[in-house]
């Protein structure tokens, strides 16, 4: 099937899925209001097979050192699948399934599948990574760019993490867990009960980002948008907290965004 844009609808919610642009969700409109920052690099893109930065683009697989391209020098950032076209497996009015093959520069063959499901008051994204033969470490995450302002007051963030990963000068976690600090943030937080972050545009809309995963990166240093990124491990997690994909056990994660009008 083609990699043309896909439009999903449910009630007054509309989602645009862009298989040809890195498998991203290009838009989420609720009552005609666009929630995601627009532009080729924005929307909400999948972070696979790693999330955030990998130190010096290197990670260990057993005794072997694997080198990734340094697309955010001196590090590698946000995986590979956002850079290529995905294939559309199937679509319906409110659901799309798209796939991407893992290939160079990632050193292992595999497949990523993303399911996008829309209801009148929620969007659910589910991703899985499977291998054909070799086991390998991987991560799954999403990088949404929510518009900071929808025409009224700026968005307010509310979440209660158990800890914040101390961030070094190289933007990577040092390995120390600290008490959460006030923003602005480009930081990773731990939420052992699952990611639960509420974005409120006063007088307009409340949107909750939830996931059973316990890691979330919050990035709000840009004027136009705020990012709330659920993921299966912290930045540099291929080295510090790898999740293994095996022929018998794929890696799977889900995030749900639910909303209500105020």
C-alpha atoms as a PDB file:
ATOM      1  CA  UNK A   1       0.000   0.000   0.000  1.00  0.00           C
ATOM      2  CA  UNK A   2       1.060   3.624  -0.460  1.00  0.00           C
ATOM      3  CA  UNK A   3       2.790   5.929   1.992  1.00  0.00           C
ATOM      4  CA  UNK A   4       0.293   8.761   1.350  1.00  0.00           C
ATOM      5  CA  UNK A   5      -1.069  10.706   4.302  1.00  0.00           C
ATOM      6  CA  UNK A   6      -3.922   9.049   6.188  1.00  0.00           C
ATOM      7  CA  UNK A   7      -6.785  10.958   7.817  1.00  0.00           C
ATOM      8  CA  UNK A   8      -8.600   9.401  10.776  1.00  0.00           C
ATOM      9  CA  UNK A   9     -11.812  10.835  12.212  1.00  0.00           C
ATOM     10  CA  UNK A  10     -13.956  10.231  15.308  1.00  0.00           C
ATOM     11  CA  UNK A  11     -16.551  12.751  16.424  1.00  0.00           C
ATOM     12  CA  UNK A  12     -14.965  16.187  16.033  1.00  0.00           C
ATOM     13  CA  UNK A  13     -11.426  14.804  16.354  1.00  0.00           C
ATOM     14  CA  UNK A  14      -9.214  14.372  13.290  1.00  0.00           C
ATOM     15  CA  UNK A  15      -5.714  12.903  13.057  1.00  0.00           C
ATOM     16  CA  UNK A  16      -3.289  12.999  10.143  1.00  0.00           C
ATOM     17  CA  UNK A  17      -0.811  10.102   9.949  1.00  0.00           C
ATOM     18  CA  UNK A  18       2.208  10.611   7.677  1.00  0.00           C
ATOM     19  CA  UNK A  19       3.791   7.268   6.726  1.00  0.00           C
ATOM     20  CA  UNK A  20       5.986   9.002   4.154  1.00  0.00           C
ATOM     21  CA  UNK A  21       7.384  11.439   6.727  1.00  0.00           C
ATOM     22  CA  UNK A  22       8.901   9.146   9.315  1.00  0.00           C
ATOM     23  CA  UNK A  23       5.653   7.546  10.447  1.00  0.00           C
ATOM     24  CA  UNK A  24       4.703  10.630  12.404  1.00  0.00           C
ATOM     25  CA  UNK A  25       1.344  11.938  13.493  1.00  0.00           C
ATOM     26  CA  UNK A  26       1.360  15.170  11.541  1.00  0.00           C
ATOM     27  CA  UNK A  27      -1.711  16.714  13.128  1.00  0.00           C
ATOM     28  CA  UNK A  28      -4.347  16.312  15.830  1.00  0.00           C
ATOM     29  CA  UNK A  29      -7.334  18.621  15.470  1.00  0.00           C
ATOM     30  CA  UNK A  30      -9.987  18.746  18.182  1.00  0.00           C
ATOM     31  CA  UNK A  31     -13.046  20.781  17.251  1.00  0.00           C
ATOM     32  CA  UNK A  32     -10.996  22.267  14.413  1.00  0.00           C
ATOM     33  CA  UNK A  33      -8.167  23.402  16.719  1.00  0.00           C
ATOM     34  CA  UNK A  34      -4.717  22.040  15.874  1.00  0.00           C
ATOM     35  CA  UNK A  35      -2.954  20.683  18.955  1.00  0.00           C
ATOM     36  CA  UNK A  36       0.431  19.858  17.399  1.00  0.00           C
ATOM     37  CA  UNK A  37       3.084  22.192  16.077  1.00  0.00           C
ATOM     38  CA  UNK A  38       3.019  22.086  12.299  1.00  0.00           C
ATOM     39  CA  UNK A  39       6.008  21.510  10.051  1.00  0.00           C
ATOM     40  CA  UNK A  40       7.945  18.681   8.468  1.00  0.00           C
ATOM     41  CA  UNK A  41      10.028  18.001  11.618  1.00  0.00           C
ATOM     42  CA  UNK A  42       7.256  18.422  14.170  1.00  0.00           C
ATOM     43  CA  UNK A  43       3.858  16.830  14.842  1.00  0.00           C
ATOM     44  CA  UNK A  44       4.601  13.700  16.874  1.00  0.00           C
ATOM     45  CA  UNK A  45       7.376  11.435  15.637  1.00  0.00           C
ATOM     46  CA  UNK A  46       8.290   7.916  16.783  1.00  0.00           C
ATOM     47  CA  UNK A  47      11.628   7.426  18.535  1.00  0.00           C
ATOM     48  CA  UNK A  48      12.881   3.946  17.608  1.00  0.00           C
ATOM     49  CA  UNK A  49      15.128   1.986  18.092  1.00  0.00           C
ATOM     50  CA  UNK A  50      16.379   4.436  20.732  1.00  0.00           C
ATOM     51  CA  UNK A  51      15.109   7.573  22.487  1.00  0.00           C
ATOM     52  CA  UNK A  52      16.944  10.802  23.090  1.00  0.00           C
ATOM     53  CA  UNK A  53      20.715  10.883  22.886  1.00  0.00           C
ATOM     54  CA  UNK A  54      23.166   7.975  22.791  1.00  0.00           C
ATOM     55  CA  UNK A  55      26.529   9.076  24.170  1.00  0.00           C
ATOM     56  CA  UNK A  56      29.025   9.520  21.322  1.00  0.00           C
ATOM     57  CA  UNK A  57      26.666   7.431  19.176  1.00  0.00           C
ATOM     58  CA  UNK A  58      28.109   4.245  20.673  1.00  0.00           C
ATOM     59  CA  UNK A  59      26.501   1.356  22.495  1.00  0.00           C
ATOM     60  CA  UNK A  60      27.601  -2.102  23.580  1.00  0.00           C
ATOM     61  CA  UNK A  61      26.067  -5.330  22.357  1.00  0.00           C
ATOM     62  CA  UNK A  62      27.850  -7.899  24.459  1.00  0.00           C
ATOM     63  CA  UNK A  63      31.504  -7.221  23.762  1.00  0.00           C
ATOM     64  CA  UNK A  64      30.840  -5.524  20.419  1.00  0.00           C
ATOM     65  CA  UNK A  65      30.837  -1.734  20.189  1.00  0.00           C
ATOM     66  CA  UNK A  66      28.262  -0.409  17.721  1.00  0.00           C
ATOM     67  CA  UNK A  67      28.697   3.049  16.187  1.00  0.00           C
ATOM     68  CA  UNK A  68      25.739   5.159  15.082  1.00  0.00           C
ATOM     69  CA  UNK A  69      25.857   8.329  12.953  1.00  0.00           C
ATOM     70  CA  UNK A  70      26.317  11.476  15.058  1.00  0.00           C
ATOM     71  CA  UNK A  71      23.187  13.352  13.957  1.00  0.00           C
ATOM     72  CA  UNK A  72      23.312  15.573  17.066  1.00  0.00           C
ATOM     73  CA  UNK A  73      27.089  15.884  17.547  1.00  0.00           C
ATOM     74  CA  UNK A  74      28.718  14.581  19.630  1.00  0.00           C
ATOM     75  CA  UNK A  75      25.762  12.201  20.074  1.00  0.00           C
ATOM     76  CA  UNK A  76      23.221  10.204  18.083  1.00  0.00           C
ATOM     77  CA  UNK A  77      19.629  11.210  18.773  1.00  0.00           C
ATOM     78  CA  UNK A  78      16.032   9.936  18.487  1.00  0.00           C
ATOM     79  CA  UNK A  79      16.500   6.724  16.504  1.00  0.00           C
ATOM     80  CA  UNK A  80      16.365   6.066  12.782  1.00  0.00           C
ATOM     81  CA  UNK A  81      12.754   5.416  11.766  1.00  0.00           C
ATOM     82  CA  UNK A  82      11.717   9.093  11.781  1.00  0.00           C
ATOM     83  CA  UNK A  83      14.095   9.660   8.849  1.00  0.00           C
ATOM     84  CA  UNK A  84      12.467   7.347   6.315  1.00  0.00           C
ATOM     85  CA  UNK A  85       9.157   6.334   4.797  1.00  0.00           C
ATOM     86  CA  UNK A  86       6.896   3.772   6.448  1.00  0.00           C
ATOM     87  CA  UNK A  87       4.461   1.477   4.669  1.00  0.00           C
ATOM     88  CA  UNK A  88       0.732   1.450   5.287  1.00  0.00           C
ATOM     89  CA  UNK A  89      -0.457  -2.011   6.314  1.00  0.00           C
ATOM     90  CA  UNK A  90      -4.148  -1.196   6.771  1.00  0.00           C
ATOM     91  CA  UNK A  91      -6.496   1.665   7.520  1.00  0.00           C
ATOM     92  CA  UNK A  92     -10.087   2.261   8.549  1.00  0.00           C
ATOM     93  CA  UNK A  93     -12.061   5.360   9.521  1.00  0.00           C
ATOM     94  CA  UNK A  94     -10.424   5.644  12.944  1.00  0.00           C
ATOM     95  CA  UNK A  95      -7.383   3.319  12.844  1.00  0.00           C
ATOM     96  CA  UNK A  96      -4.140   3.058  10.879  1.00  0.00           C
ATOM     97  CA  UNK A  97      -1.398   0.436  11.033  1.00  0.00           C
ATOM     98  CA  UNK A  98       1.976   1.363   9.543  1.00  0.00           C
ATOM     99  CA  UNK A  99       5.317  -0.459   9.470  1.00  0.00           C
ATOM    100  CA  UNK A 100       8.997   0.350   9.026  1.00  0.00           C
ATOM    101  CA  UNK A 101      11.927  -1.976   8.426  1.00  0.00           C
ATOM    102  CA  UNK A 102      15.000  -1.445  10.575  1.00  0.00           C
ATOM    103  CA  UNK A 103      18.000  -1.011   8.297  1.00  0.00           C
ATOM    104  CA  UNK A 104      21.316   0.844   8.006  1.00  0.00           C
ATOM    105  CA  UNK A 105      22.579   2.655   9.987  1.00  0.00           C
ATOM    106  CA  UNK A 106      20.941   0.416  12.599  1.00  0.00           C
ATOM    107  CA  UNK A 107      23.067  -2.767  12.680  1.00  0.00           C
ATOM    108  CA  UNK A 108      20.260  -5.327  13.099  1.00  0.00           C
ATOM    109  CA  UNK A 109      17.346  -6.326  10.881  1.00  0.00           C
ATOM    110  CA  UNK A 110      13.884  -5.963  12.355  1.00  0.00           C
ATOM    111  CA  UNK A 111      10.479  -4.410  11.945  1.00  0.00           C
ATOM    112  CA  UNK A 112       8.648  -1.604  13.732  1.00  0.00           C
ATOM    113  CA  UNK A 113       4.849  -1.540  13.719  1.00  0.00           C
ATOM    114  CA  UNK A 114       2.795   1.432  14.864  1.00  0.00           C
ATOM    115  CA  UNK A 115      -0.955   1.340  15.459  1.00  0.00           C
ATOM    116  CA  UNK A 116      -2.794   4.678  15.603  1.00  0.00           C
ATOM    117  CA  UNK A 117      -6.315   4.503  17.095  1.00  0.00           C
ATOM    118  CA  UNK A 118      -8.642   7.483  17.425  1.00  0.00           C
ATOM    119  CA  UNK A 119     -11.847   7.820  19.441  1.00  0.00           C
ATOM    120  CA  UNK A 120     -13.953  10.913  20.118  1.00  0.00           C
ATOM    121  CA  UNK A 121     -11.910  11.787  23.205  1.00  0.00           C
ATOM    122  CA  UNK A 122      -8.600   9.898  22.953  1.00  0.00           C
ATOM    123  CA  UNK A 123      -5.712   8.974  20.687  1.00  0.00           C
ATOM    124  CA  UNK A 124      -3.813   5.755  21.400  1.00  0.00           C
ATOM    125  CA  UNK A 125      -0.412   5.012  19.858  1.00  0.00           C
ATOM    126  CA  UNK A 126       1.043   1.518  20.159  1.00  0.00           C
ATOM    127  CA  UNK A 127       4.459   0.554  18.836  1.00  0.00           C
ATOM    128  CA  UNK A 128       6.328  -2.732  18.728  1.00  0.00           C
ATOM    129  CA  UNK A 129       9.830  -3.720  17.656  1.00  0.00           C
ATOM    130  CA  UNK A 130      10.442  -7.295  16.517  1.00  0.00           C
ATOM    131  CA  UNK A 131      13.538  -9.083  15.270  1.00  0.00           C
ATOM    132  CA  UNK A 132      13.872 -11.693  12.569  1.00  0.00           C
ATOM    133  CA  UNK A 133      16.923 -13.413  14.054  1.00  0.00           C
ATOM    134  CA  UNK A 134      19.493 -11.564  16.200  1.00  0.00           C
ATOM    135  CA  UNK A 135      18.512 -10.200  19.601  1.00  0.00           C
ATOM    136  CA  UNK A 136      19.353  -6.548  20.179  1.00  0.00           C
ATOM    137  CA  UNK A 137      18.791  -3.709  22.689  1.00  0.00           C
ATOM    138  CA  UNK A 138      16.161  -1.128  21.774  1.00  0.00           C
ATOM    139  CA  UNK A 139      13.882   1.603  23.057  1.00  0.00           C
ATOM    140  CA  UNK A 140      10.473   2.933  22.043  1.00  0.00           C
ATOM    141  CA  UNK A 141       9.198   6.452  22.565  1.00  0.00           C
ATOM    142  CA  UNK A 142       7.157   9.312  21.108  1.00  0.00           C
ATOM    143  CA  UNK A 143       8.127  12.935  20.640  1.00  0.00           C
ATOM    144  CA  UNK A 144       5.016  15.112  20.384  1.00  0.00           C
ATOM    145  CA  UNK A 145       5.282  18.869  19.898  1.00  0.00           C
ATOM    146  CA  UNK A 146       2.161  20.306  21.550  1.00  0.00           C
ATOM    147  CA  UNK A 147       1.378  23.911  20.667  1.00  0.00           C
ATOM    148  CA  UNK A 148       2.161  26.075  23.667  1.00  0.00           C
ATOM    149  CA  UNK A 149      -0.698  28.417  22.841  1.00  0.00           C
ATOM    150  CA  UNK A 150      -4.053  27.678  21.186  1.00  0.00           C
ATOM    151  CA  UNK A 151      -5.122  31.306  20.939  1.00  0.00           C
ATOM    152  CA  UNK A 152      -5.655  31.920  24.661  1.00  0.00           C
ATOM    153  CA  UNK A 153      -3.352  31.477  27.639  1.00  0.00           C
ATOM    154  CA  UNK A 154      -0.184  29.361  27.431  1.00  0.00           C
ATOM    155  CA  UNK A 155      -0.404  25.695  28.348  1.00  0.00           C
ATOM    156  CA  UNK A 156       0.216  24.641  31.951  1.00  0.00           C
ATOM    157  CA  UNK A 157       1.983  21.369  32.794  1.00  0.00           C
ATOM    158  CA  UNK A 158       1.074  19.254  35.812  1.00  0.00           C
ATOM    159  CA  UNK A 159       2.867  16.044  36.806  1.00  0.00           C
ATOM    160  CA  UNK A 160       4.288  14.484  39.945  1.00  0.00           C
ATOM    161  CA  UNK A 161       7.441  12.492  39.157  1.00  0.00           C
ATOM    162  CA  UNK A 162       9.215  10.405  41.773  1.00  0.00           C
ATOM    163  CA  UNK A 163      12.582  11.705  40.632  1.00  0.00           C
ATOM    164  CA  UNK A 164      14.449  13.653  37.996  1.00  0.00           C
ATOM    165  CA  UNK A 165      17.485  12.256  36.210  1.00  0.00           C
ATOM    166  CA  UNK A 166      20.352  14.652  36.921  1.00  0.00           C
ATOM    167  CA  UNK A 167      21.465  16.087  33.595  1.00  0.00           C
ATOM    168  CA  UNK A 168      25.137  16.587  32.849  1.00  0.00           C
ATOM    169  CA  UNK A 169      26.713  19.298  30.712  1.00  0.00           C
ATOM    170  CA  UNK A 170      26.462  16.883  27.774  1.00  0.00           C
ATOM    171  CA  UNK A 171      22.638  16.754  28.164  1.00  0.00           C
ATOM    172  CA  UNK A 172      22.789  13.103  29.228  1.00  0.00           C
ATOM    173  CA  UNK A 173      21.750  11.662  32.596  1.00  0.00           C
ATOM    174  CA  UNK A 174      24.667  11.359  35.010  1.00  0.00           C
ATOM    175  CA  UNK A 175      23.159   8.321  36.715  1.00  0.00           C
ATOM    176  CA  UNK A 176      22.131  10.304  39.786  1.00  0.00           C
ATOM    177  CA  UNK A 177      18.474  10.686  40.704  1.00  0.00           C
ATOM    178  CA  UNK A 178      17.540  14.042  42.213  1.00  0.00           C
ATOM    179  CA  UNK A 179      14.406  15.714  43.530  1.00  0.00           C
ATOM    180  CA  UNK A 180      12.426  17.244  40.657  1.00  0.00           C
ATOM    181  CA  UNK A 181      13.414  20.832  39.920  1.00  0.00           C
ATOM    182  CA  UNK A 182      11.243  23.589  38.433  1.00  0.00           C
ATOM    183  CA  UNK A 183      11.464  24.171  34.690  1.00  0.00           C
ATOM    184  CA  UNK A 184      12.216  25.086  32.046  1.00  0.00           C
ATOM    185  CA  UNK A 185      13.200  21.508  31.246  1.00  0.00           C
ATOM    186  CA  UNK A 186      15.015  19.344  28.794  1.00  0.00           C
ATOM    187  CA  UNK A 187      15.007  16.552  31.330  1.00  0.00           C
ATOM    188  CA  UNK A 188      14.031  12.964  32.008  1.00  0.00           C
ATOM    189  CA  UNK A 189      11.768  12.054  34.917  1.00  0.00           C
ATOM    190  CA  UNK A 190      10.828   8.773  36.575  1.00  0.00           C
ATOM    191  CA  UNK A 191       7.183   7.892  37.187  1.00  0.00           C
ATOM    192  CA  UNK A 192       7.155   4.290  38.501  1.00  0.00           C
ATOM    193  CA  UNK A 193       3.360   4.109  38.476  1.00  0.00           C
ATOM    194  CA  UNK A 194       3.322   5.015  34.785  1.00  0.00           C
ATOM    195  CA  UNK A 195       3.608   8.271  32.876  1.00  0.00           C
ATOM    196  CA  UNK A 196       0.807  10.670  33.830  1.00  0.00           C
ATOM    197  CA  UNK A 197       1.191  14.274  32.640  1.00  0.00           C
ATOM    198  CA  UNK A 198      -1.650  16.773  32.251  1.00  0.00           C
ATOM    199  CA  UNK A 199      -1.456  19.702  29.834  1.00  0.00           C
ATOM    200  CA  UNK A 200      -4.060  22.411  30.430  1.00  0.00           C
ATOM    201  CA  UNK A 201      -4.827  25.295  28.091  1.00  0.00           C
ATOM    202  CA  UNK A 202      -6.882  27.405  30.553  1.00  0.00           C
ATOM    203  CA  UNK A 203     -10.505  27.818  29.552  1.00  0.00           C
ATOM    204  CA  UNK A 204      -9.989  25.667  26.470  1.00  0.00           C
ATOM    205  CA  UNK A 205      -8.830  22.097  26.832  1.00  0.00           C
ATOM    206  CA  UNK A 206      -7.218  19.582  29.185  1.00  0.00           C
ATOM    207  CA  UNK A 207      -5.146  16.787  27.637  1.00  0.00           C
ATOM    208  CA  UNK A 208      -3.594  13.928  29.591  1.00  0.00           C
ATOM    209  CA  UNK A 209      -0.559  11.989  28.314  1.00  0.00           C
ATOM    210  CA  UNK A 210      -0.471   8.533  29.900  1.00  0.00           C
ATOM    211  CA  UNK A 211       1.582   5.369  29.473  1.00  0.00           C
ATOM    212  CA  UNK A 212       2.382   2.260  31.474  1.00  0.00           C
ATOM    213  CA  UNK A 213       6.065   3.065  30.886  1.00  0.00           C
ATOM    214  CA  UNK A 214       7.812   4.869  33.735  1.00  0.00           C
ATOM    215  CA  UNK A 215      10.038   7.305  31.853  1.00  0.00           C
ATOM    216  CA  UNK A 216       9.114  10.683  30.402  1.00  0.00           C
ATOM    217  CA  UNK A 217      11.221  13.470  28.944  1.00  0.00           C
ATOM    218  CA  UNK A 218       9.742  16.962  29.203  1.00  0.00           C
ATOM    219  CA  UNK A 219      11.121  19.633  26.876  1.00  0.00           C
ATOM    220  CA  UNK A 220       9.705  23.148  27.104  1.00  0.00           C
ATOM    221  CA  UNK A 221      12.668  25.357  26.200  1.00  0.00           C
ATOM    222  CA  UNK A 222      11.175  26.476  22.873  1.00  0.00           C
ATOM    223  CA  UNK A 223       8.645  29.284  22.649  1.00  0.00           C
ATOM    224  CA  UNK A 224       6.291  27.596  20.196  1.00  0.00           C
ATOM    225  CA  UNK A 225       5.758  24.173  21.724  1.00  0.00           C
ATOM    226  CA  UNK A 226       5.992  21.851  24.716  1.00  0.00           C
ATOM    227  CA  UNK A 227       7.099  18.219  24.383  1.00  0.00           C
ATOM    228  CA  UNK A 228       5.981  15.399  26.699  1.00  0.00           C
ATOM    229  CA  UNK A 229       7.764  12.219  25.605  1.00  0.00           C
ATOM    230  CA  UNK A 230       6.820   8.826  27.123  1.00  0.00           C
ATOM    231  CA  UNK A 231       9.511   6.227  26.527  1.00  0.00           C
ATOM    232  CA  UNK A 232      10.698   2.792  27.616  1.00  0.00           C
ATOM    233  CA  UNK A 233      13.948   4.046  29.132  1.00  0.00           C
ATOM    234  CA  UNK A 234      16.010   7.165  29.790  1.00  0.00           C
ATOM    235  CA  UNK A 235      18.276   8.942  27.303  1.00  0.00           C
ATOM    236  CA  UNK A 236      21.416   6.874  26.638  1.00  0.00           C
ATOM    237  CA  UNK A 237      19.339   3.893  27.728  1.00  0.00           C
ATOM    238  CA  UNK A 238      20.899   1.604  25.114  1.00  0.00           C
ATOM    239  CA  UNK A 239      23.927   1.744  27.408  1.00  0.00           C
ATOM    240  CA  UNK A 240      22.417   2.210  30.871  1.00  0.00           C
ATOM    241  CA  UNK A 241      19.065   0.411  30.813  1.00  0.00           C
ATOM    242  CA  UNK A 242      18.735  -1.650  27.630  1.00  0.00           C
ATOM    243  CA  UNK A 243      15.517  -3.502  26.822  1.00  0.00           C
ATOM    244  CA  UNK A 244      16.266  -6.622  24.810  1.00  0.00           C
ATOM    245  CA  UNK A 245      14.299  -7.528  21.699  1.00  0.00           C
ATOM    246  CA  UNK A 246      14.428 -11.277  21.019  1.00  0.00           C
ATOM    247  CA  UNK A 247      12.759 -13.526  18.431  1.00  0.00           C
ATOM    248  CA  UNK A 248      10.365 -14.670  21.146  1.00  0.00           C
ATOM    249  CA  UNK A 249       9.845 -11.325  22.888  1.00  0.00           C
ATOM    250  CA  UNK A 250       9.262  -8.147  20.897  1.00  0.00           C
ATOM    251  CA  UNK A 251       9.391  -4.804  22.667  1.00  0.00           C
ATOM    252  CA  UNK A 252       6.018  -3.045  22.841  1.00  0.00           C
ATOM    253  CA  UNK A 253       4.795   0.223  24.346  1.00  0.00           C
ATOM    254  CA  UNK A 254       1.620   2.300  24.307  1.00  0.00           C
ATOM    255  CA  UNK A 255       0.703   5.887  25.060  1.00  0.00           C
ATOM    256  CA  UNK A 256      -2.785   7.359  25.229  1.00  0.00           C
ATOM    257  CA  UNK A 257      -3.697  11.023  24.992  1.00  0.00           C
ATOM    258  CA  UNK A 258      -7.159  11.735  26.362  1.00  0.00           C
ATOM    259  CA  UNK A 259      -8.848  15.117  26.432  1.00  0.00           C
ATOM    260  CA  UNK A 260     -11.813  17.085  27.666  1.00  0.00           C
ATOM    261  CA  UNK A 261     -13.045  20.593  27.038  1.00  0.00           C
ATOM    262  CA  UNK A 262     -12.991  23.162  29.828  1.00  0.00           C
END
